[in-house]
Amino acid sequence: MIEPTLLEYPCDFPIKILGHSQAGFAQAVLGVVRRHAPDFDGAAMEMKTSKRGKYLSVTCVIRATSREQLEGLYQELCDHPMVVMVL
């Protein structure tokens, strides 16, 4: 059974990825995002460090073209060892 979706594709879709502040985290996230959204501009990534500097959040607004694209992206990000949480 296919579940209905509230999104109409294509659309701009924000994804927030949280990980520990460490070298290479933003680049790793960018690599995963570009595998699923090749047209994503890395310069558009927004990064914010937590108050105590332990975590880094990266927000990417991609041009989503399908539910399958988003599911694949979320799955790969969630499976990545540097990623703590994906919203």
PDB file of N, CA and C in Angstrom:
ATOM      1  N   MET A   1       0.849  -1.189   0.000  1.00  0.00           N
ATOM      2  CA  MET A   1       0.000   0.000   0.000  1.00  0.00           C
ATOM      3  C   MET A   1       0.889   1.246   0.000  1.00  0.00           C
ATOM      4  N   ILE A   2       0.613   2.167  -0.857  1.00  0.00           N
ATOM      5  CA  ILE A   2       1.368   3.417  -0.925  1.00  0.00           C
ATOM      6  C   ILE A   2       0.667   4.449  -0.055  1.00  0.00           C
ATOM      7  N   GLU A   3       1.445   5.027   0.863  1.00  0.00           N
ATOM      8  CA  GLU A   3       0.886   6.041   1.749  1.00  0.00           C
ATOM      9  C   GLU A   3       0.809   7.377   1.018  1.00  0.00           C
ATOM     10  N   PRO A   4      -0.247   8.146   1.266  1.00  0.00           N
ATOM     11  CA  PRO A   4      -0.343   9.451   0.619  1.00  0.00           C
ATOM     12  C   PRO A   4       0.722  10.409   1.154  1.00  0.00           C
ATOM     13  N   THR A   5       1.119  11.343   0.340  1.00  0.00           N
ATOM     14  CA  THR A   5       2.106  12.330   0.758  1.00  0.00           C
ATOM     15  C   THR A   5       1.489  13.714   0.715  1.00  0.00           C
ATOM     16  N   LEU A   6       1.937  14.569   1.611  1.00  0.00           N
ATOM     17  CA  LEU A   6       1.429  15.936   1.646  1.00  0.00           C
ATOM     18  C   LEU A   6       2.293  16.858   0.792  1.00  0.00           C
ATOM     19  N   LEU A   7       3.429  16.341   0.335  1.00  0.00           N
ATOM     20  CA  LEU A   7       4.337  17.159  -0.465  1.00  0.00           C
ATOM     21  C   LEU A   7       4.001  17.043  -1.945  1.00  0.00           C
ATOM     22  N   GLU A   8       4.205  18.128  -2.638  1.00  0.00           N
ATOM     23  CA  GLU A   8       4.098  18.100  -4.097  1.00  0.00           C
ATOM     24  C   GLU A   8       5.489  18.305  -4.640  1.00  0.00           C
ATOM     25  N   TYR A   9       5.933  17.375  -5.466  1.00  0.00           N
ATOM     26  CA  TYR A   9       7.294  17.423  -6.000  1.00  0.00           C
ATOM     27  C   TYR A   9       7.299  18.056  -7.383  1.00  0.00           C
ATOM     28  N   PRO A  10       8.377  18.743  -7.728  1.00  0.00           N
ATOM     29  CA  PRO A  10       9.540  19.067  -6.903  1.00  0.00           C
ATOM     30  C   PRO A  10       9.225  20.184  -5.912  1.00  0.00           C
ATOM     31  N   CYS A  11       9.995  20.213  -4.820  1.00  0.00           N
ATOM     32  CA  CYS A  11       9.822  21.253  -3.806  1.00  0.00           C
ATOM     33  C   CYS A  11      11.139  21.448  -3.053  1.00  0.00           C
ATOM     34  N   ASP A  12      11.288  22.607  -2.435  1.00  0.00           N
ATOM     35  CA  ASP A  12      12.445  22.859  -1.576  1.00  0.00           C
ATOM     36  C   ASP A  12      12.167  22.190  -0.241  1.00  0.00           C
ATOM     37  N   PHE A  13      13.135  21.407   0.247  1.00  0.00           N
ATOM     38  CA  PHE A  13      12.926  20.616   1.447  1.00  0.00           C
ATOM     39  C   PHE A  13      14.125  20.750   2.380  1.00  0.00           C
ATOM     40  N   PRO A  14      13.934  21.313   3.583  1.00  0.00           N
ATOM     41  CA  PRO A  14      15.056  21.475   4.523  1.00  0.00           C
ATOM     42  C   PRO A  14      15.321  20.189   5.307  1.00  0.00           C
ATOM     43  N   ILE A  15      16.592  19.876   5.460  1.00  0.00           N
ATOM     44  CA  ILE A  15      17.015  18.725   6.257  1.00  0.00           C
ATOM     45  C   ILE A  15      18.063  19.218   7.238  1.00  0.00           C
ATOM     46  N   LYS A  16      17.892  18.898   8.519  1.00  0.00           N
ATOM     47  CA  LYS A  16      18.867  19.283   9.540  1.00  0.00           C
ATOM     48  C   LYS A  16      19.562  18.022  10.020  1.00  0.00           C
ATOM     49  N   ILE A  17      20.899  18.059   9.980  1.00  0.00           N
ATOM     50  CA  ILE A  17      21.709  16.916  10.361  1.00  0.00           C
ATOM     51  C   ILE A  17      22.557  17.323  11.558  1.00  0.00           C
ATOM     52  N   LEU A  18      22.513  16.533  12.616  1.00  0.00           N
ATOM     53  CA  LEU A  18      23.247  16.831  13.840  1.00  0.00           C
ATOM     54  C   LEU A  18      24.326  15.784  14.057  1.00  0.00           C
ATOM     55  N   GLY A  19      25.529  16.256  14.389  1.00  0.00           N
ATOM     56  CA  GLY A  19      26.633  15.350  14.681  1.00  0.00           C
ATOM     57  C   GLY A  19      27.560  15.985  15.689  1.00  0.00           C
ATOM     58  N   HIS A  20      28.522  15.202  16.162  1.00  0.00           N
ATOM     59  CA  HIS A  20      29.538  15.738  17.070  1.00  0.00           C
ATOM     60  C   HIS A  20      30.437  16.680  16.280  1.00  0.00           C
ATOM     61  N   SER A  21      30.859  17.759  16.915  1.00  0.00           N
ATOM     62  CA  SER A  21      31.787  18.691  16.262  1.00  0.00           C
ATOM     63  C   SER A  21      33.106  17.960  16.054  1.00  0.00           C
ATOM     64  N   GLN A  22      33.421  17.677  14.808  1.00  0.00           N
ATOM     65  CA  GLN A  22      34.666  16.995  14.484  1.00  0.00           C
ATOM     66  C   GLN A  22      35.062  17.320  13.055  1.00  0.00           C
ATOM     67  N   ALA A  23      36.343  17.234  12.796  1.00  0.00           N
ATOM     68  CA  ALA A  23      36.855  17.527  11.463  1.00  0.00           C
ATOM     69  C   ALA A  23      36.208  16.591  10.452  1.00  0.00           C
ATOM     70  N   GLY A  24      35.764  17.162   9.336  1.00  0.00           N
ATOM     71  CA  GLY A  24      35.216  16.367   8.253  1.00  0.00           C
ATOM     72  C   GLY A  24      33.725  16.115   8.299  1.00  0.00           C
ATOM     73  N   PHE A  25      33.056  16.524   9.391  1.00  0.00           N
ATOM     74  CA  PHE A  25      31.614  16.243   9.497  1.00  0.00           C
ATOM     75  C   PHE A  25      30.823  16.934   8.394  1.00  0.00           C
ATOM     76  N   ALA A  26      31.013  18.236   8.225  1.00  0.00           N
ATOM     77  CA  ALA A  26      30.249  18.970   7.206  1.00  0.00           C
ATOM     78  C   ALA A  26      30.547  18.426   5.809  1.00  0.00           C
ATOM     79  N   GLN A  27      31.800  18.067   5.540  1.00  0.00           N
ATOM     80  CA  GLN A  27      32.158  17.527   4.233  1.00  0.00           C
ATOM     81  C   GLN A  27      31.512  16.161   4.004  1.00  0.00           C
ATOM     82  N   ALA A  28      31.448  15.347   5.052  1.00  0.00           N
ATOM     83  CA  ALA A  28      30.801  14.034   4.939  1.00  0.00           C
ATOM     84  C   ALA A  28      29.316  14.193   4.636  1.00  0.00           C
ATOM     85  N   VAL A  29      28.664  15.129   5.340  1.00  0.00           N
ATOM     86  CA  VAL A  29      27.245  15.403   5.103  1.00  0.00           C
ATOM     87  C   VAL A  29      27.039  15.873   3.667  1.00  0.00           C
ATOM     88  N   LEU A  30      27.883  16.788   3.222  1.00  0.00           N
ATOM     89  CA  LEU A  30      27.770  17.311   1.862  1.00  0.00           C
ATOM     90  C   LEU A  30      27.896  16.191   0.840  1.00  0.00           C
ATOM     91  N   GLY A  31      28.814  15.259   1.049  1.00  0.00           N
ATOM     92  CA  GLY A  31      28.979  14.143   0.124  1.00  0.00           C
ATOM     93  C   GLY A  31      27.730  13.297   0.019  1.00  0.00           C
ATOM     94  N   VAL A  32      27.111  12.998   1.153  1.00  0.00           N
ATOM     95  CA  VAL A  32      25.880  12.202   1.158  1.00  0.00           C
ATOM     96  C   VAL A  32      24.756  12.968   0.474  1.00  0.00           C
ATOM     97  N   VAL A  33      24.590  14.238   0.829  1.00  0.00           N
ATOM     98  CA  VAL A  33      23.513  15.043   0.241  1.00  0.00           C
ATOM     99  C   VAL A  33      23.662  15.117  -1.277  1.00  0.00           C
ATOM    100  N   ARG A  34      24.877  15.322  -1.754  1.00  0.00           N
ATOM    101  CA  ARG A  34      25.093  15.443  -3.209  1.00  0.00           C
ATOM    102  C   ARG A  34      24.870  14.129  -3.948  1.00  0.00           C
ATOM    103  N   ARG A  35      25.013  12.996  -3.276  1.00  0.00           N
ATOM    104  CA  ARG A  35      24.707  11.714  -3.931  1.00  0.00           C
ATOM    105  C   ARG A  35      23.221  11.615  -4.253  1.00  0.00           C
ATOM    106  N   HIS A  36      22.407  12.248  -3.416  1.00  0.00           N
ATOM    107  CA  HIS A  36      20.952  12.164  -3.594  1.00  0.00           C
ATOM    108  C   HIS A  36      20.361  13.407  -4.252  1.00  0.00           C
ATOM    109  N   ALA A  37      21.066  14.523  -4.164  1.00  0.00           N
ATOM    110  CA  ALA A  37      20.627  15.793  -4.770  1.00  0.00           C
ATOM    111  C   ALA A  37      21.857  16.430  -5.419  1.00  0.00           C
ATOM    112  N   PRO A  38      22.248  15.930  -6.604  1.00  0.00           N
ATOM    113  CA  PRO A  38      23.501  16.374  -7.239  1.00  0.00           C
ATOM    114  C   PRO A  38      23.585  17.873  -7.498  1.00  0.00           C
ATOM    115  N   ASP A  39      22.459  18.538  -7.593  1.00  0.00           N
ATOM    116  CA  ASP A  39      22.460  19.979  -7.879  1.00  0.00           C
ATOM    117  C   ASP A  39      22.575  20.837  -6.610  1.00  0.00           C
ATOM    118  N   PHE A  40      22.706  20.203  -5.429  1.00  0.00           N
ATOM    119  CA  PHE A  40      22.786  20.964  -4.183  1.00  0.00           C
ATOM    120  C   PHE A  40      24.064  21.786  -4.147  1.00  0.00           C
ATOM    121  N   ASP A  41      23.922  23.055  -3.795  1.00  0.00           N
ATOM    122  CA  ASP A  41      25.057  23.973  -3.695  1.00  0.00           C
ATOM    123  C   ASP A  41      25.583  23.953  -2.261  1.00  0.00           C
ATOM    124  N   GLY A  42      26.790  23.425  -2.082  1.00  0.00           N
ATOM    125  CA  GLY A  42      27.379  23.329  -0.752  1.00  0.00           C
ATOM    126  C   GLY A  42      27.519  24.662  -0.049  1.00  0.00           C
ATOM    127  N   ALA A  43      27.622  25.740  -0.824  1.00  0.00           N
ATOM    128  CA  ALA A  43      27.743  27.073  -0.228  1.00  0.00           C
ATOM    129  C   ALA A  43      26.461  27.475   0.500  1.00  0.00           C
ATOM    130  N   ALA A  44      25.360  26.784   0.224  1.00  0.00           N
ATOM    131  CA  ALA A  44      24.081  27.109   0.853  1.00  0.00           C
ATOM    132  C   ALA A  44      23.891  26.392   2.189  1.00  0.00           C
ATOM    133  N   MET A  45      24.841  25.537   2.591  1.00  0.00           N
ATOM    134  CA  MET A  45      24.730  24.834   3.870  1.00  0.00           C
ATOM    135  C   MET A  45      24.811  25.836   5.009  1.00  0.00           C
ATOM    136  N   GLU A  46      23.943  25.671   5.986  1.00  0.00           N
ATOM    137  CA  GLU A  46      23.992  26.507   7.183  1.00  0.00           C
ATOM    138  C   GLU A  46      24.510  25.643   8.322  1.00  0.00           C
ATOM    139  N   MET A  47      25.520  26.151   9.035  1.00  0.00           N
ATOM    140  CA  MET A  47      26.109  25.394  10.132  1.00  0.00           C
ATOM    141  C   MET A  47      26.013  26.183  11.427  1.00  0.00           C
ATOM    142  N   LYS A  48      25.735  25.459  12.504  1.00  0.00           N
ATOM    143  CA  LYS A  48      25.628  26.102  13.807  1.00  0.00           C
ATOM    144  C   LYS A  48      26.189  25.145  14.857  1.00  0.00           C
ATOM    145  N   THR A  49      27.069  25.667  15.688  1.00  0.00           N
ATOM    146  CA  THR A  49      27.660  24.891  16.773  1.00  0.00           C
ATOM    147  C   THR A  49      26.790  25.042  18.019  1.00  0.00           C
ATOM    148  N   SER A  50      26.679  23.966  18.788  1.00  0.00           N
ATOM    149  CA  SER A  50      25.904  24.026  20.030  1.00  0.00           C
ATOM    150  C   SER A  50      26.574  24.967  21.028  1.00  0.00           C
ATOM    151  N   LYS A  51      25.833  25.335  22.046  1.00  0.00           N
ATOM    152  CA  LYS A  51      26.312  26.315  23.031  1.00  0.00           C
ATOM    153  C   LYS A  51      27.666  25.934  23.625  1.00  0.00           C
ATOM    154  N   ARG A  52      27.855  24.672  23.934  1.00  0.00           N
ATOM    155  CA  ARG A  52      29.115  24.228  24.544  1.00  0.00           C
ATOM    156  C   ARG A  52      30.113  23.695  23.510  1.00  0.00           C
ATOM    157  N   GLY A  53      29.727  23.709  22.243  1.00  0.00           N
ATOM    158  CA  GLY A  53      30.643  23.314  21.184  1.00  0.00           C
ATOM    159  C   GLY A  53      30.772  21.820  20.948  1.00  0.00           C
ATOM    160  N   LYS A  54      29.936  21.017  21.599  1.00  0.00           N
ATOM    161  CA  LYS A  54      30.031  19.563  21.452  1.00  0.00           C
ATOM    162  C   LYS A  54      29.406  19.080  20.139  1.00  0.00           C
ATOM    163  N   TYR A  55      28.355  19.757  19.686  1.00  0.00           N
ATOM    164  CA  TYR A  55      27.629  19.326  18.492  1.00  0.00           C
ATOM    165  C   TYR A  55      27.662  20.390  17.401  1.00  0.00           C
ATOM    166  N   LEU A  56      27.485  19.921  16.179  1.00  0.00           N
ATOM    167  CA  LEU A  56      27.368  20.801  15.032  1.00  0.00           C
ATOM    168  C   LEU A  56      26.113  20.407  14.276  1.00  0.00           C
ATOM    169  N   SER A  57      25.257  21.380  13.983  1.00  0.00           N
ATOM    170  CA  SER A  57      24.092  21.095  13.151  1.00  0.00           C
ATOM    171  C   SER A  57      24.330  21.704  11.773  1.00  0.00           C
ATOM    172  N   VAL A  58      23.966  20.931  10.762  1.00  0.00           N
ATOM    173  CA  VAL A  58      24.105  21.358   9.375  1.00  0.00           C
ATOM    174  C   VAL A  58      22.711  21.308   8.757  1.00  0.00           C
ATOM    175  N   THR A  59      22.267  22.422   8.197  1.00  0.00           N
ATOM    176  CA  THR A  59      20.973  22.468   7.527  1.00  0.00           C
ATOM    177  C   THR A  59      21.200  22.608   6.036  1.00  0.00           C
ATOM    178  N   CYS A  60      20.554  21.721   5.276  1.00  0.00           N
ATOM    179  CA  CYS A  60      20.632  21.736   3.821  1.00  0.00           C
ATOM    180  C   CYS A  60      19.214  21.821   3.277  1.00  0.00           C
ATOM    181  N   VAL A  61      18.966  22.760   2.405  1.00  0.00           N
ATOM    182  CA  VAL A  61      17.667  22.849   1.741  1.00  0.00           C
ATOM    183  C   VAL A  61      17.881  22.324   0.325  1.00  0.00           C
ATOM    184  N   ILE A  62      17.337  21.123   0.068  1.00  0.00           N
ATOM    185  CA  ILE A  62      17.523  20.504  -1.239  1.00  0.00           C
ATOM    186  C   ILE A  62      16.277  20.691  -2.096  1.00  0.00           C
ATOM    187  N   ARG A  63      16.426  20.499  -3.369  1.00  0.00           N
ATOM    188  CA  ARG A  63      15.291  20.476  -4.295  1.00  0.00           C
ATOM    189  C   ARG A  63      14.854  19.024  -4.377  1.00  0.00           C
ATOM    190  N   ALA A  64      13.826  18.674  -3.616  1.00  0.00           N
ATOM    191  CA  ALA A  64      13.351  17.289  -3.561  1.00  0.00           C
ATOM    192  C   ALA A  64      12.519  16.982  -4.797  1.00  0.00           C
ATOM    193  N   THR A  65      12.803  15.839  -5.409  1.00  0.00           N
ATOM    194  CA  THR A  65      12.091  15.465  -6.625  1.00  0.00           C
ATOM    195  C   THR A  65      11.156  14.277  -6.423  1.00  0.00           C
ATOM    196  N   SER A  66      11.336  13.524  -5.333  1.00  0.00           N
ATOM    197  CA  SER A  66      10.457  12.377  -5.080  1.00  0.00           C
ATOM    198  C   SER A  66      10.575  11.915  -3.633  1.00  0.00           C
ATOM    199  N   ARG A  67       9.593  11.170  -3.218  1.00  0.00           N
ATOM    200  CA  ARG A  67       9.615  10.598  -1.875  1.00  0.00           C
ATOM    201  C   ARG A  67      10.765   9.593  -1.749  1.00  0.00           C
ATOM    202  N   GLU A  68      11.001   8.842  -2.820  1.00  0.00           N
ATOM    203  CA  GLU A  68      12.078   7.854  -2.826  1.00  0.00           C
ATOM    204  C   GLU A  68      13.440   8.528  -2.626  1.00  0.00           C
ATOM    205  N   GLN A  69      13.613   9.691  -3.252  1.00  0.00           N
ATOM    206  CA  GLN A  69      14.856  10.445  -3.091  1.00  0.00           C
ATOM    207  C   GLN A  69      15.054  10.821  -1.620  1.00  0.00           C
ATOM    208  N   LEU A  70      14.013  11.359  -0.996  1.00  0.00           N
ATOM    209  CA  LEU A  70      14.110  11.769   0.408  1.00  0.00           C
ATOM    210  C   LEU A  70      14.346  10.575   1.327  1.00  0.00           C
ATOM    211  N   GLU A  71      13.662   9.466   1.084  1.00  0.00           N
ATOM    212  CA  GLU A  71      13.835   8.284   1.917  1.00  0.00           C
ATOM    213  C   GLU A  71      15.266   7.758   1.817  1.00  0.00           C
ATOM    214  N   GLY A  72      15.814   7.730   0.606  1.00  0.00           N
ATOM    215  CA  GLY A  72      17.186   7.269   0.415  1.00  0.00           C
ATOM    216  C   GLY A  72      18.178   8.178   1.116  1.00  0.00           C
ATOM    217  N   LEU A  73      17.959   9.483   1.009  1.00  0.00           N
ATOM    218  CA  LEU A  73      18.838  10.461   1.653  1.00  0.00           C
ATOM    219  C   LEU A  73      18.781  10.319   3.167  1.00  0.00           C
ATOM    220  N   TYR A  74      17.573  10.264   3.732  1.00  0.00           N
ATOM    221  CA  TYR A  74      17.429  10.112   5.180  1.00  0.00           C
ATOM    222  C   TYR A  74      18.096   8.826   5.656  1.00  0.00           C
ATOM    223  N   GLN A  75      17.894   7.728   4.922  1.00  0.00           N
ATOM    224  CA  GLN A  75      18.461   6.442   5.328  1.00  0.00           C
ATOM    225  C   GLN A  75      19.980   6.485   5.347  1.00  0.00           C
ATOM    226  N   GLU A  76      20.584   7.040   4.283  1.00  0.00           N
ATOM    227  CA  GLU A  76      22.044   7.101   4.229  1.00  0.00           C
ATOM    228  C   GLU A  76      22.605   8.015   5.319  1.00  0.00           C
ATOM    229  N   LEU A  77      21.932   9.136   5.571  1.00  0.00           N
ATOM    230  CA  LEU A  77      22.389  10.029   6.639  1.00  0.00           C
ATOM    231  C   LEU A  77      22.272   9.355   8.005  1.00  0.00           C
ATOM    232  N   CYS A  78      21.161   8.701   8.263  1.00  0.00           N
ATOM    233  CA  CYS A  78      20.960   8.033   9.561  1.00  0.00           C
ATOM    234  C   CYS A  78      21.964   6.906   9.774  1.00  0.00           C
ATOM    235  N   ASP A  79      22.389   6.252   8.703  1.00  0.00           N
ATOM    236  CA  ASP A  79      23.335   5.144   8.801  1.00  0.00           C
ATOM    237  C   ASP A  79      24.781   5.613   8.905  1.00  0.00           C
ATOM    238  N   HIS A  80      25.035   6.897   8.649  1.00  0.00           N
ATOM    239  CA  HIS A  80      26.396   7.402   8.649  1.00  0.00           C
ATOM    240  C   HIS A  80      26.944   7.445  10.085  1.00  0.00           C
ATOM    241  N   PRO A  81      28.165   6.956  10.309  1.00  0.00           N
ATOM    242  CA  PRO A  81      28.694   6.885  11.677  1.00  0.00           C
ATOM    243  C   PRO A  81      28.939   8.241  12.337  1.00  0.00           C
ATOM    244  N   MET A  82      29.066   9.331  11.556  1.00  0.00           N
ATOM    245  CA  MET A  82      29.313  10.655  12.159  1.00  0.00           C
ATOM    246  C   MET A  82      28.016  11.366  12.524  1.00  0.00           C
ATOM    247  N   VAL A  83      26.879  10.853  12.067  1.00  0.00           N
ATOM    248  CA  VAL A  83      25.593  11.518  12.263  1.00  0.00           C
ATOM    249  C   VAL A  83      24.920  11.004  13.532  1.00  0.00           C
ATOM    250  N   VAL A  84      24.474  11.943  14.366  1.00  0.00           N
ATOM    251  CA  VAL A  84      23.761  11.601  15.602  1.00  0.00           C
ATOM    252  C   VAL A  84      22.263  11.586  15.363  1.00  0.00           C
ATOM    253  N   MET A  85      21.748  12.565  14.589  1.00  0.00           N
ATOM    254  CA  MET A  85      20.309  12.699  14.387  1.00  0.00           C
ATOM    255  C   MET A  85      20.030  13.433  13.076  1.00  0.00           C
ATOM    256  N   VAL A  86      18.902  13.066  12.434  1.00  0.00           N
ATOM    257  CA  VAL A  86      18.462  13.750  11.215  1.00  0.00           C
ATOM    258  C   VAL A  86      17.021  14.182  11.423  1.00  0.00           C
ATOM    259  N   LEU A  87      16.772  15.459  11.161  1.00  0.00           N
ATOM    260  CA  LEU A  87      15.410  16.012  11.304  1.00  0.00           C
ATOM    261  C   LEU A  87      14.937  16.536   9.963  1.00  0.00           C
TER     262      LEU A  87
END
